[in-house]
Structure formats: C-alpha cells, structure tokens
Amino acid sequence: MIKLITGKKGTGKTKILIDMINDAVKSTNGDLICIEKGAKLTYDISYKVRLVDAERFNISGYDAVYGFVAGMLAGNYDIKEIFVDSILKIGGADFDEFGIMLDKLDKLTGDDVQVVFTVSADNEELPAGVTKFAE
C-alpha cells in the first residue's frame, strides 16, 4: 500500500511523517525503515527504526529507489512499513517517472507493506498517476 503526504515546502510534511513513524513504532509488529536524503531525522525518530541515508548508498533516480526498496524487502520479510522523506530530492522532479515507480512499488508491496512518501508539491501539480495514491 502506498500513501503520499503532499504539500509545498514548509507545510509540515516531515513533522507529519515523524509523528507517523513514532506512532508506528508503538503499534507495528514488524520492522520499520525510514529513507531520507542526509541524516536530518536521526534525533527525531525512535532508535527502533532503521534510518537509511540515500546519499550514503548513492541512491538517485526512481529506478534506484525502487531497486533499493525491492532489495530491502527481499532481504527482510519482517519489514512492515517504509517511510521516505523528500522523495523528489532523491528521485528527481520527473512526476511521470515517480508515478511509474509508485505503480511498481504498489504491485511489489501489495497489502503486506505500507510505503509512505513526502512529496514537496501540491496535488494540483501532480499527474493522475501520482495523485491516485495521495490521501
């Protein structure tokens, strides 16, 4: 299952994501992953969450994001939720490619794993292939 938290820069998307992560720590009975560009959230989220710096693993572009997530899921069947902060900084500003990756991830994760992205854009700016995942 895919969820998007959308809005312009400065609208509180990361704060919402942090709250979701910390709530998930209390209620999820599996592993939690947070992918971000840089290590900004180190002190904001629980130590029980695996924090992954996309820059450290040279993840750039949506194919690389998909491959990285697929690899994590293949290696750990206990992952229940994945949170990705600032996906446009990691994958790029090509909304059509983003939509393609979301479709592929949706098929990969099904109902077993929830993937939440923060997207620095309003729903009106995003194509239908992306907004169908917005809350």
Protein backbone atom coordinates (compact mmCIF):
# COMPACT_ATOMS: atom_id res chain seq x y z
CA MET A 1 0.00 0.00 0.00
CA ILE A 2 1.30 3.43 -0.98
CA LYS A 3 0.48 6.72 0.76
CA LEU A 4 1.61 10.24 -0.10
CA ILE A 5 1.89 13.29 2.13
CA THR A 6 1.84 16.22 -0.27
CA GLY A 7 2.25 19.97 0.09
CA LYS A 8 4.61 22.82 -0.67
CA LYS A 9 7.88 23.26 1.19
CA GLY A 10 7.31 24.36 4.76
CA THR A 11 3.80 22.93 5.16
CA GLY A 12 4.78 20.42 7.85
CA LYS A 13 5.06 17.21 5.83
CA THR A 14 8.17 15.98 7.65
CA LYS A 15 6.56 16.64 11.04
CA ILE A 16 3.55 14.55 9.99
CA LEU A 17 5.94 11.81 8.82
CA ILE A 18 7.88 11.87 12.11
CA ASP A 19 4.62 11.52 14.06
CA MET A 20 3.54 8.62 11.81
CA ILE A 21 6.89 6.89 12.33
CA ASN A 22 6.83 7.28 16.10
CA ASP A 23 3.20 6.07 16.27
CA ALA A 24 4.10 3.08 14.08
CA VAL A 25 6.89 2.10 16.49
CA LYS A 26 4.24 1.63 19.19
CA SER A 27 1.75 -0.31 17.07
CA THR A 28 3.57 -2.19 14.28
CA ASN A 29 4.70 -5.75 14.92
CA GLY A 30 7.45 -5.72 12.30
CA ASP A 31 10.46 -3.77 11.16
CA LEU A 32 10.28 -0.09 10.20
CA ILE A 33 12.54 1.68 7.70
CA CYS A 34 12.98 5.41 7.10
CA ILE A 35 14.80 6.56 3.96
CA GLU A 36 15.91 10.18 3.73
CA LYS A 37 18.45 12.33 1.92
CA GLY A 38 21.01 13.23 4.56
CA ALA A 39 20.74 12.34 8.23
CA LYS A 40 18.36 15.03 9.45
CA LEU A 41 15.91 12.80 11.32
CA THR A 42 18.44 10.97 13.50
CA TYR A 43 17.24 12.54 16.74
CA ASP A 44 13.57 12.90 15.79
CA ILE A 45 12.63 9.25 15.35
CA SER A 46 12.93 6.22 17.58
CA TYR A 47 16.14 4.21 17.62
CA LYS A 48 13.99 1.17 16.76
CA VAL A 49 13.55 2.47 13.21
CA ARG A 50 16.25 1.64 10.65
CA LEU A 51 17.32 5.04 9.32
CA VAL A 52 18.82 4.93 5.81
CA ASP A 53 20.68 7.86 4.26
CA ALA A 54 20.06 7.70 0.49
CA GLU A 55 23.26 9.65 -0.18
CA ARG A 56 25.37 7.09 1.66
CA PHE A 57 24.10 4.38 -0.71
CA ASN A 58 24.26 6.61 -3.83
CA ILE A 59 20.52 6.29 -4.43
CA SER A 60 19.37 8.75 -7.07
CA GLY A 61 16.60 8.34 -9.59
CA TYR A 62 13.39 6.39 -9.29
CA ASP A 63 14.79 3.15 -10.68
CA ALA A 64 17.43 3.20 -7.93
CA VAL A 65 14.79 3.91 -5.26
CA TYR A 66 12.65 1.02 -6.50
CA GLY A 67 15.63 -1.33 -6.65
CA PHE A 68 16.77 -0.35 -3.18
CA VAL A 69 13.32 -0.88 -1.64
CA ALA A 70 12.86 -4.17 -3.51
CA GLY A 71 16.25 -5.35 -2.26
CA MET A 72 15.39 -4.46 1.33
CA LEU A 73 12.09 -6.32 1.09
CA ALA A 74 13.77 -9.35 -0.49
CA GLY A 75 16.31 -9.48 2.31
CA ASN A 76 13.92 -8.91 5.23
CA TYR A 77 10.41 -10.34 5.23
CA ASP A 78 9.69 -8.64 8.57
CA ILE A 79 9.54 -5.10 7.10
CA LYS A 80 6.02 -3.76 7.60
CA GLU A 81 6.39 -0.03 6.93
CA ILE A 82 8.78 2.11 4.91
CA PHE A 83 8.83 5.90 5.20
CA VAL A 84 10.56 8.05 2.59
CA ASP A 85 11.16 11.74 3.30
CA SER A 86 11.62 14.18 0.41
CA ILE A 87 11.28 11.70 -2.45
CA LEU A 88 11.66 14.43 -5.08
CA LYS A 89 15.15 15.24 -3.71
CA ILE A 90 16.11 11.57 -4.01
CA GLY A 91 14.37 10.56 -7.24
CA GLY A 92 14.15 13.84 -9.14
CA ALA A 93 11.39 16.15 -10.36
CA ASP A 94 10.03 13.90 -13.14
CA PHE A 95 6.49 13.28 -11.87
CA ASP A 96 5.73 10.75 -14.63
CA GLU A 97 8.71 8.59 -13.60
CA PHE A 98 7.60 8.96 -9.99
CA GLY A 99 4.15 7.67 -10.94
CA ILE A 100 5.65 4.68 -12.75
CA MET A 101 7.73 3.82 -9.68
CA LEU A 102 4.68 4.15 -7.41
CA ASP A 103 2.76 1.66 -9.59
CA LYS A 104 5.64 -0.81 -9.48
CA LEU A 105 6.02 -0.42 -5.71
CA ASP A 106 2.29 -0.83 -5.20
CA LYS A 107 2.40 -4.17 -7.03
CA LEU A 108 5.51 -5.21 -5.10
CA THR A 109 4.20 -4.36 -1.63
CA GLY A 110 0.51 -5.20 -2.02
CA ASP A 111 -1.23 -5.16 1.34
CA ASP A 112 1.79 -6.57 3.18
CA VAL A 113 3.92 -3.41 3.42
CA GLN A 114 2.92 0.24 3.68
CA VAL A 115 5.18 2.80 1.99
CA VAL A 116 4.71 6.48 2.86
CA PHE A 117 6.34 9.30 0.86
CA THR A 118 6.55 13.03 1.49
CA VAL A 119 6.21 14.98 -1.77
CA SER A 120 7.01 18.71 -1.94
CA ALA A 121 4.26 19.58 -4.40
CA ASP A 122 0.54 20.29 -4.24
CA ASN A 123 -1.86 17.68 -5.61
CA GLU A 124 -2.80 20.07 -8.44
CA GLU A 125 0.78 19.94 -9.75
CA LEU A 126 0.94 16.15 -9.80
CA PRO A 127 -0.30 13.88 -12.62
CA ALA A 128 -3.16 11.43 -12.07
CA GLY A 129 -0.68 8.54 -11.90
CA VAL A 130 0.69 10.07 -8.70
CA THR A 131 -2.40 11.64 -7.10
CA LYS A 132 -4.26 8.33 -7.05
CA PHE A 133 -2.00 7.45 -4.09
CA ALA A 134 -2.50 10.78 -2.24
CA GLU A 135 -4.59 10.75 0.90
